[in-house]
Amino acid sequence: ELYRRAMDAFHRIADPDQQLTRLEEL
């Protein structure tokens, strides 16, 4: 499920900084 959320972050978060923040959380 956490991997799925990471894939979602790739597709749903366009801003690179926000994406990086989300990936660090994951």
PDB file of all heavy atoms in Angstrom:
ATOM      1  N   GLU A   1       0.838  -1.206   0.000  1.00  0.00           N
ATOM      2  CA  GLU A   1       0.000   0.000   0.000  1.00  0.00           C
ATOM      3  C   GLU A   1       0.873   1.256   0.000  1.00  0.00           C
ATOM      4  O   GLU A   1       0.556   2.239  -0.684  1.00  0.00           O
ATOM      5  CB  GLU A   1      -0.927  -0.008   1.217  1.00  0.00           C
ATOM      6  CG  GLU A   1      -1.788   1.223   1.359  1.00  0.00           C
ATOM      7  CD  GLU A   1      -2.739   1.478   0.200  1.00  0.00           C
ATOM      8  OE1 GLU A   1      -3.071   0.529  -0.543  1.00  0.00           O
ATOM      9  OE2 GLU A   1      -3.152   2.641   0.027  1.00  0.00           O
ATOM     10  N   LEU A   2       1.959   1.247   0.726  1.00  0.00           N
ATOM     11  CA  LEU A   2       2.867   2.395   0.728  1.00  0.00           C
ATOM     12  C   LEU A   2       3.516   2.580  -0.646  1.00  0.00           C
ATOM     13  O   LEU A   2       3.701   3.716  -1.102  1.00  0.00           O
ATOM     14  CB  LEU A   2       3.909   2.255   1.830  1.00  0.00           C
ATOM     15  CG  LEU A   2       3.347   2.359   3.250  1.00  0.00           C
ATOM     16  CD1 LEU A   2       4.382   1.935   4.273  1.00  0.00           C
ATOM     17  CD2 LEU A   2       2.841   3.763   3.537  1.00  0.00           C
ATOM     18  N   TYR A   3       3.830   1.490  -1.325  1.00  0.00           N
ATOM     19  CA  TYR A   3       4.366   1.593  -2.688  1.00  0.00           C
ATOM     20  C   TYR A   3       3.311   2.192  -3.624  1.00  0.00           C
ATOM     21  O   TYR A   3       3.642   2.996  -4.490  1.00  0.00           O
ATOM     22  CB  TYR A   3       4.813   0.231  -3.217  1.00  0.00           C
ATOM     23  CG  TYR A   3       5.995  -0.372  -2.501  1.00  0.00           C
ATOM     24  CD1 TYR A   3       6.189  -1.744  -2.511  1.00  0.00           C
ATOM     25  CD2 TYR A   3       6.925   0.416  -1.830  1.00  0.00           C
ATOM     26  CE1 TYR A   3       7.279  -2.312  -1.869  1.00  0.00           C
ATOM     27  CE2 TYR A   3       8.009  -0.144  -1.176  1.00  0.00           C
ATOM     28  CZ  TYR A   3       8.180  -1.517  -1.205  1.00  0.00           C
ATOM     29  OH  TYR A   3       9.258  -2.079  -0.569  1.00  0.00           O
ATOM     30  N   ARG A   4       2.079   1.786  -3.445  1.00  0.00           N
ATOM     31  CA  ARG A   4       0.998   2.340  -4.266  1.00  0.00           C
ATOM     32  C   ARG A   4       0.885   3.844  -4.042  1.00  0.00           C
ATOM     33  O   ARG A   4       0.719   4.623  -4.984  1.00  0.00           O
ATOM     34  CB  ARG A   4      -0.332   1.658  -3.969  1.00  0.00           C
ATOM     35  CG  ARG A   4      -1.456   2.083  -4.921  1.00  0.00           C
ATOM     36  CD  ARG A   4      -2.826   1.674  -4.429  1.00  0.00           C
ATOM     37  NE  ARG A   4      -3.195   2.295  -3.171  1.00  0.00           N
ATOM     38  CZ  ARG A   4      -3.543   3.575  -3.017  1.00  0.00           C
ATOM     39  NH1 ARG A   4      -3.542   4.400  -4.033  1.00  0.00           N
ATOM     40  NH2 ARG A   4      -3.885   4.041  -1.830  1.00  0.00           N
ATOM     41  N   ARG A   5       1.010   4.272  -2.803  1.00  0.00           N
ATOM     42  CA  ARG A   5       0.954   5.701  -2.500  1.00  0.00           C
ATOM     43  C   ARG A   5       2.118   6.455  -3.130  1.00  0.00           C
ATOM     44  O   ARG A   5       1.963   7.600  -3.562  1.00  0.00           O
ATOM     45  CB  ARG A   5       0.933   5.922  -0.995  1.00  0.00           C
ATOM     46  CG  ARG A   5      -0.361   5.472  -0.355  1.00  0.00           C
ATOM     47  CD  ARG A   5      -0.318   5.674   1.134  1.00  0.00           C
ATOM     48  NE  ARG A   5      -1.473   5.056   1.764  1.00  0.00           N
ATOM     49  CZ  ARG A   5      -1.624   4.950   3.072  1.00  0.00           C
ATOM     50  NH1 ARG A   5      -0.705   5.445   3.896  1.00  0.00           N
ATOM     51  NH2 ARG A   5      -2.697   4.375   3.570  1.00  0.00           N
ATOM     52  N   ALA A   6       3.276   5.821  -3.193  1.00  0.00           N
ATOM     53  CA  ALA A   6       4.422   6.456  -3.865  1.00  0.00           C
ATOM     54  C   ALA A   6       4.132   6.621  -5.351  1.00  0.00           C
ATOM     55  O   ALA A   6       4.403   7.689  -5.925  1.00  0.00           O
ATOM     56  CB  ALA A   6       5.690   5.624  -3.652  1.00  0.00           C
ATOM     57  N   MET A   7       3.567   5.602  -5.970  1.00  0.00           N
ATOM     58  CA  MET A   7       3.211   5.712  -7.385  1.00  0.00           C
ATOM     59  C   MET A   7       2.177   6.818  -7.586  1.00  0.00           C
ATOM     60  O   MET A   7       2.259   7.571  -8.560  1.00  0.00           O
ATOM     61  CB  MET A   7       2.692   4.377  -7.920  1.00  0.00           C
ATOM     62  CG  MET A   7       3.736   3.271  -7.949  1.00  0.00           C
ATOM     63  SD  MET A   7       5.173   3.640  -8.987  1.00  0.00           S
ATOM     64  CE  MET A   7       4.479   3.332 -10.596  1.00  0.00           C
ATOM     65  N   ASP A   8       1.228   6.922  -6.675  1.00  0.00           N
ATOM     66  CA  ASP A   8       0.242   8.007  -6.745  1.00  0.00           C
ATOM     67  C   ASP A   8       0.927   9.366  -6.675  1.00  0.00           C
ATOM     68  O   ASP A   8       0.540  10.293  -7.388  1.00  0.00           O
ATOM     69  CB  ASP A   8      -0.784   7.901  -5.611  1.00  0.00           C
ATOM     70  CG  ASP A   8      -1.834   6.843  -5.846  1.00  0.00           C
ATOM     71  OD1 ASP A   8      -1.892   6.272  -6.955  1.00  0.00           O
ATOM     72  OD2 ASP A   8      -2.601   6.566  -4.898  1.00  0.00           O
ATOM     73  N   ALA A   9       1.923   9.480  -5.819  1.00  0.00           N
ATOM     74  CA  ALA A   9       2.645  10.753  -5.689  1.00  0.00           C
ATOM     75  C   ALA A   9       3.316  11.123  -7.007  1.00  0.00           C
ATOM     76  O   ALA A   9       3.338  12.308  -7.379  1.00  0.00           O
ATOM     77  CB  ALA A   9       3.680  10.674  -4.566  1.00  0.00           C
ATOM     78  N   PHE A  10       3.836  10.145  -7.728  1.00  0.00           N
ATOM     79  CA  PHE A  10       4.453  10.432  -9.026  1.00  0.00           C
ATOM     80  C   PHE A  10       3.433  11.013 -10.000  1.00  0.00           C
ATOM     81  O   PHE A  10       3.749  11.906 -10.774  1.00  0.00           O
ATOM     82  CB  PHE A  10       5.046   9.161  -9.663  1.00  0.00           C
ATOM     83  CG  PHE A  10       6.171   8.553  -8.896  1.00  0.00           C
ATOM     84  CD1 PHE A  10       6.269   7.172  -8.788  1.00  0.00           C
ATOM     85  CD2 PHE A  10       7.139   9.329  -8.282  1.00  0.00           C
ATOM     86  CE1 PHE A  10       7.317   6.589  -8.100  1.00  0.00           C
ATOM     87  CE2 PHE A  10       8.191   8.753  -7.577  1.00  0.00           C
ATOM     88  CZ  PHE A  10       8.277   7.379  -7.492  1.00  0.00           C
ATOM     89  N   HIS A  11       2.219  10.485  -9.957  1.00  0.00           N
ATOM     90  CA  HIS A  11       1.202  10.863 -10.933  1.00  0.00           C
ATOM     91  C   HIS A  11       0.364  12.071 -10.522  1.00  0.00           C
ATOM     92  O   HIS A  11      -0.131  12.785 -11.385  1.00  0.00           O
ATOM     93  CB  HIS A  11       0.282   9.670 -11.210  1.00  0.00           C
ATOM     94  CG  HIS A  11       1.007   8.499 -11.785  1.00  0.00           C
ATOM     95  ND1 HIS A  11       1.595   8.507 -13.031  1.00  0.00           N
ATOM     96  CD2 HIS A  11       1.275   7.278 -11.261  1.00  0.00           C
ATOM     97  CE1 HIS A  11       2.181   7.356 -13.262  1.00  0.00           C
ATOM     98  NE2 HIS A  11       2.000   6.580 -12.203  1.00  0.00           N
ATOM     99  N   ARG A  12       0.205  12.293  -9.242  1.00  0.00           N
ATOM    100  CA  ARG A  12      -0.724  13.329  -8.780  1.00  0.00           C
ATOM    101  C   ARG A  12      -0.073  14.613  -8.278  1.00  0.00           C
ATOM    102  O   ARG A  12      -0.749  15.621  -8.151  1.00  0.00           O
ATOM    103  CB  ARG A  12      -1.607  12.769  -7.684  1.00  0.00           C
ATOM    104  CG  ARG A  12      -2.494  11.660  -8.209  1.00  0.00           C
ATOM    105  CD  ARG A  12      -3.435  11.174  -7.162  1.00  0.00           C
ATOM    106  NE  ARG A  12      -4.196  10.067  -7.720  1.00  0.00           N
ATOM    107  CZ  ARG A  12      -5.266   9.591  -7.187  1.00  0.00           C
ATOM    108  NH1 ARG A  12      -5.724  10.092  -6.067  1.00  0.00           N
ATOM    109  NH2 ARG A  12      -5.893   8.591  -7.745  1.00  0.00           N
ATOM    110  N   ILE A  13       1.200  14.556  -7.969  1.00  0.00           N
ATOM    111  CA  ILE A  13       1.864  15.744  -7.432  1.00  0.00           C
ATOM    112  C   ILE A  13       2.842  16.251  -8.489  1.00  0.00           C
ATOM    113  O   ILE A  13       3.874  15.637  -8.739  1.00  0.00           O
ATOM    114  CB  ILE A  13       2.598  15.433  -6.107  1.00  0.00           C
ATOM    115  CG1 ILE A  13       1.616  14.873  -5.070  1.00  0.00           C
ATOM    116  CG2 ILE A  13       3.283  16.689  -5.590  1.00  0.00           C
ATOM    117  CD1 ILE A  13       2.272  14.376  -3.793  1.00  0.00           C
ATOM    118  N   ALA A  14       2.498  17.394  -9.083  1.00  0.00           N
ATOM    119  CA  ALA A  14       3.313  17.942 -10.165  1.00  0.00           C
ATOM    120  C   ALA A  14       4.522  18.715  -9.647  1.00  0.00           C
ATOM    121  O   ALA A  14       5.591  18.682 -10.257  1.00  0.00           O
ATOM    122  CB  ALA A  14       2.453  18.843 -11.058  1.00  0.00           C
ATOM    123  N   ASP A  15       4.362  19.390  -8.528  1.00  0.00           N
ATOM    124  CA  ASP A  15       5.449  20.197  -7.989  1.00  0.00           C
ATOM    125  C   ASP A  15       6.559  19.288  -7.463  1.00  0.00           C
ATOM    126  O   ASP A  15       6.320  18.467  -6.569  1.00  0.00           O
ATOM    127  CB  ASP A  15       4.926  21.103  -6.875  1.00  0.00           C
ATOM    128  CG  ASP A  15       6.018  21.942  -6.268  1.00  0.00           C
ATOM    129  OD1 ASP A  15       6.354  22.985  -6.855  1.00  0.00           O
ATOM    130  OD2 ASP A  15       6.541  21.544  -5.200  1.00  0.00           O
ATOM    131  N   PRO A  16       7.777  19.423  -7.978  1.00  0.00           N
ATOM    132  CA  PRO A  16       8.878  18.532  -7.559  1.00  0.00           C
ATOM    133  C   PRO A  16       9.179  18.597  -6.065  1.00  0.00           C
ATOM    134  O   PRO A  16       9.477  17.565  -5.452  1.00  0.00           O
ATOM    135  CB  PRO A  16      10.077  19.017  -8.375  1.00  0.00           C
ATOM    136  CG  PRO A  16       9.492  19.754  -9.534  1.00  0.00           C
ATOM    137  CD  PRO A  16       8.190  20.321  -9.052  1.00  0.00           C
ATOM    138  N   ASP A  17       9.109  19.785  -5.471  1.00  0.00           N
ATOM    139  CA  ASP A  17       9.391  19.896  -4.034  1.00  0.00           C
ATOM    140  C   ASP A  17       8.325  19.203  -3.196  1.00  0.00           C
ATOM    141  O   ASP A  17       8.645  18.519  -2.219  1.00  0.00           O
ATOM    142  CB  ASP A  17       9.507  21.366  -3.622  1.00  0.00           C
ATOM    143  CG  ASP A  17      10.747  22.031  -4.192  1.00  0.00           C
ATOM    144  OD1 ASP A  17      11.742  21.307  -4.465  1.00  0.00           O
ATOM    145  OD2 ASP A  17      10.730  23.255  -4.375  1.00  0.00           O
ATOM    146  N   GLN A  18       7.063  19.368  -3.593  1.00  0.00           N
ATOM    147  CA  GLN A  18       5.980  18.699  -2.866  1.00  0.00           C
ATOM    148  C   GLN A  18       6.072  17.184  -3.044  1.00  0.00           C
ATOM    149  O   GLN A  18       5.834  16.426  -2.108  1.00  0.00           O
ATOM    150  CB  GLN A  18       4.626  19.203  -3.348  1.00  0.00           C
ATOM    151  CG  GLN A  18       4.311  20.615  -2.928  1.00  0.00           C
ATOM    152  CD  GLN A  18       2.974  21.088  -3.486  1.00  0.00           C
ATOM    153  OE1 GLN A  18       2.365  20.444  -4.339  1.00  0.00           O
ATOM    154  NE2 GLN A  18       2.506  22.229  -2.990  1.00  0.00           N
ATOM    155  N   GLN A  19       6.421  16.777  -4.253  1.00  0.00           N
ATOM    156  CA  GLN A  19       6.563  15.346  -4.515  1.00  0.00           C
ATOM    157  C   GLN A  19       7.684  14.757  -3.661  1.00  0.00           C
ATOM    158  O   GLN A  19       7.525  13.693  -3.053  1.00  0.00           O
ATOM    159  CB  GLN A  19       6.842  15.111  -6.000  1.00  0.00           C
ATOM    160  CG  GLN A  19       6.783  13.650  -6.391  1.00  0.00           C
ATOM    161  CD  GLN A  19       7.059  13.460  -7.854  1.00  0.00           C
ATOM    162  OE1 GLN A  19       8.228  13.386  -8.237  1.00  0.00           O
ATOM    163  NE2 GLN A  19       6.000  13.393  -8.657  1.00  0.00           N
ATOM    164  N   LEU A  20       8.807  15.460  -3.602  1.00  0.00           N
ATOM    165  CA  LEU A  20       9.928  14.995  -2.795  1.00  0.00           C
ATOM    166  C   LEU A  20       9.539  14.902  -1.326  1.00  0.00           C
ATOM    167  O   LEU A  20       9.863  13.913  -0.650  1.00  0.00           O
ATOM    168  CB  LEU A  20      11.135  15.924  -2.965  1.00  0.00           C
ATOM    169  CG  LEU A  20      12.380  15.545  -2.162  1.00  0.00           C
ATOM    170  CD1 LEU A  20      12.887  14.161  -2.553  1.00  0.00           C
ATOM    171  CD2 LEU A  20      13.454  16.603  -2.350  1.00  0.00           C
ATOM    172  N   THR A  21       8.815  15.896  -0.830  1.00  0.00           N
ATOM    173  CA  THR A  21       8.357  15.883   0.563  1.00  0.00           C
ATOM    174  C   THR A  21       7.471  14.665   0.811  1.00  0.00           C
ATOM    175  O   THR A  21       7.645  13.954   1.815  1.00  0.00           O
ATOM    176  CB  THR A  21       7.595  17.178   0.895  1.00  0.00           C
ATOM    177  OG1 THR A  21       8.488  18.278   0.740  1.00  0.00           O
ATOM    178  CG2 THR A  21       7.041  17.150   2.302  1.00  0.00           C
ATOM    179  N   ARG A  22       6.552  14.399  -0.111  1.00  0.00           N
ATOM    180  CA  ARG A  22       5.650  13.252   0.051  1.00  0.00           C
ATOM    181  C   ARG A  22       6.436  11.937   0.006  1.00  0.00           C
ATOM    182  O   ARG A  22       6.182  11.021   0.796  1.00  0.00           O
ATOM    183  CB  ARG A  22       4.572  13.259  -1.030  1.00  0.00           C
ATOM    184  CG  ARG A  22       3.605  12.108  -0.938  1.00  0.00           C
ATOM    185  CD  ARG A  22       2.821  12.145   0.354  1.00  0.00           C
ATOM    186  NE  ARG A  22       1.907  11.026   0.424  1.00  0.00           N
ATOM    187  CZ  ARG A  22       1.724  10.275   1.493  1.00  0.00           C
ATOM    188  NH1 ARG A  22       2.350  10.569   2.626  1.00  0.00           N
ATOM    189  NH2 ARG A  22       0.883   9.269   1.481  1.00  0.00           N
ATOM    190  N   LEU A  23       7.391  11.836  -0.884  1.00  0.00           N
ATOM    191  CA  LEU A  23       8.180  10.612  -0.982  1.00  0.00           C
ATOM    192  C   LEU A  23       9.032  10.395   0.265  1.00  0.00           C
ATOM    193  O   LEU A  23       9.191   9.257   0.720  1.00  0.00           O
ATOM    194  CB  LEU A  23       9.051  10.635  -2.236  1.00  0.00           C
ATOM    195  CG  LEU A  23       8.293  10.579  -3.562  1.00  0.00           C
ATOM    196  CD1 LEU A  23       9.253  10.713  -4.731  1.00  0.00           C
ATOM    197  CD2 LEU A  23       7.455   9.319  -3.676  1.00  0.00           C
ATOM    198  N   GLU A  24       9.546  11.464   0.834  1.00  0.00           N
ATOM    199  CA  GLU A  24      10.297  11.347   2.093  1.00  0.00           C
ATOM    200  C   GLU A  24       9.387  10.856   3.219  1.00  0.00           C
ATOM    201  O   GLU A  24       9.801  10.042   4.046  1.00  0.00           O
ATOM    202  CB  GLU A  24      10.943  12.684   2.469  1.00  0.00           C
ATOM    203  CG  GLU A  24      12.132  13.055   1.611  1.00  0.00           C
ATOM    204  CD  GLU A  24      13.357  12.181   1.853  1.00  0.00           C
ATOM    205  OE1 GLU A  24      13.370  11.365   2.785  1.00  0.00           O
ATOM    206  OE2 GLU A  24      14.313  12.324   1.081  1.00  0.00           O
ATOM    207  N   GLU A  25       8.158  11.358   3.246  1.00  0.00           N
ATOM    208  CA  GLU A  25       7.193  10.891   4.255  1.00  0.00           C
ATOM    209  C   GLU A  25       6.941   9.395   4.085  1.00  0.00           C
ATOM    210  O   GLU A  25       6.909   8.641   5.065  1.00  0.00           O
ATOM    211  CB  GLU A  25       5.868  11.645   4.120  1.00  0.00           C
ATOM    212  CG  GLU A  25       5.914  13.096   4.508  1.00  0.00           C
ATOM    213  CD  GLU A  25       4.653  13.864   4.099  1.00  0.00           C
ATOM    214  OE1 GLU A  25       3.775  13.288   3.412  1.00  0.00           O
ATOM    215  OE2 GLU A  25       4.561  15.053   4.461  1.00  0.00           O
ATOM    216  N   LEU A  26       6.758   8.982   2.843  1.00  0.00           N
ATOM    217  CA  LEU A  26       6.504   7.568   2.574  1.00  0.00           C
ATOM    218  C   LEU A  26       7.718   6.704   2.910  1.00  0.00           C
ATOM    219  O   LEU A  26       7.562   5.598   3.424  1.00  0.00           O
ATOM    220  CB  LEU A  26       6.084   7.375   1.116  1.00  0.00           C
ATOM    221  CG  LEU A  26       4.694   7.905   0.792  1.00  0.00           C
ATOM    222  CD1 LEU A  26       4.479   7.955  -0.709  1.00  0.00           C
ATOM    223  CD2 LEU A  26       3.618   7.073   1.476  1.00  0.00           C
TER     224      LEU A  26
END
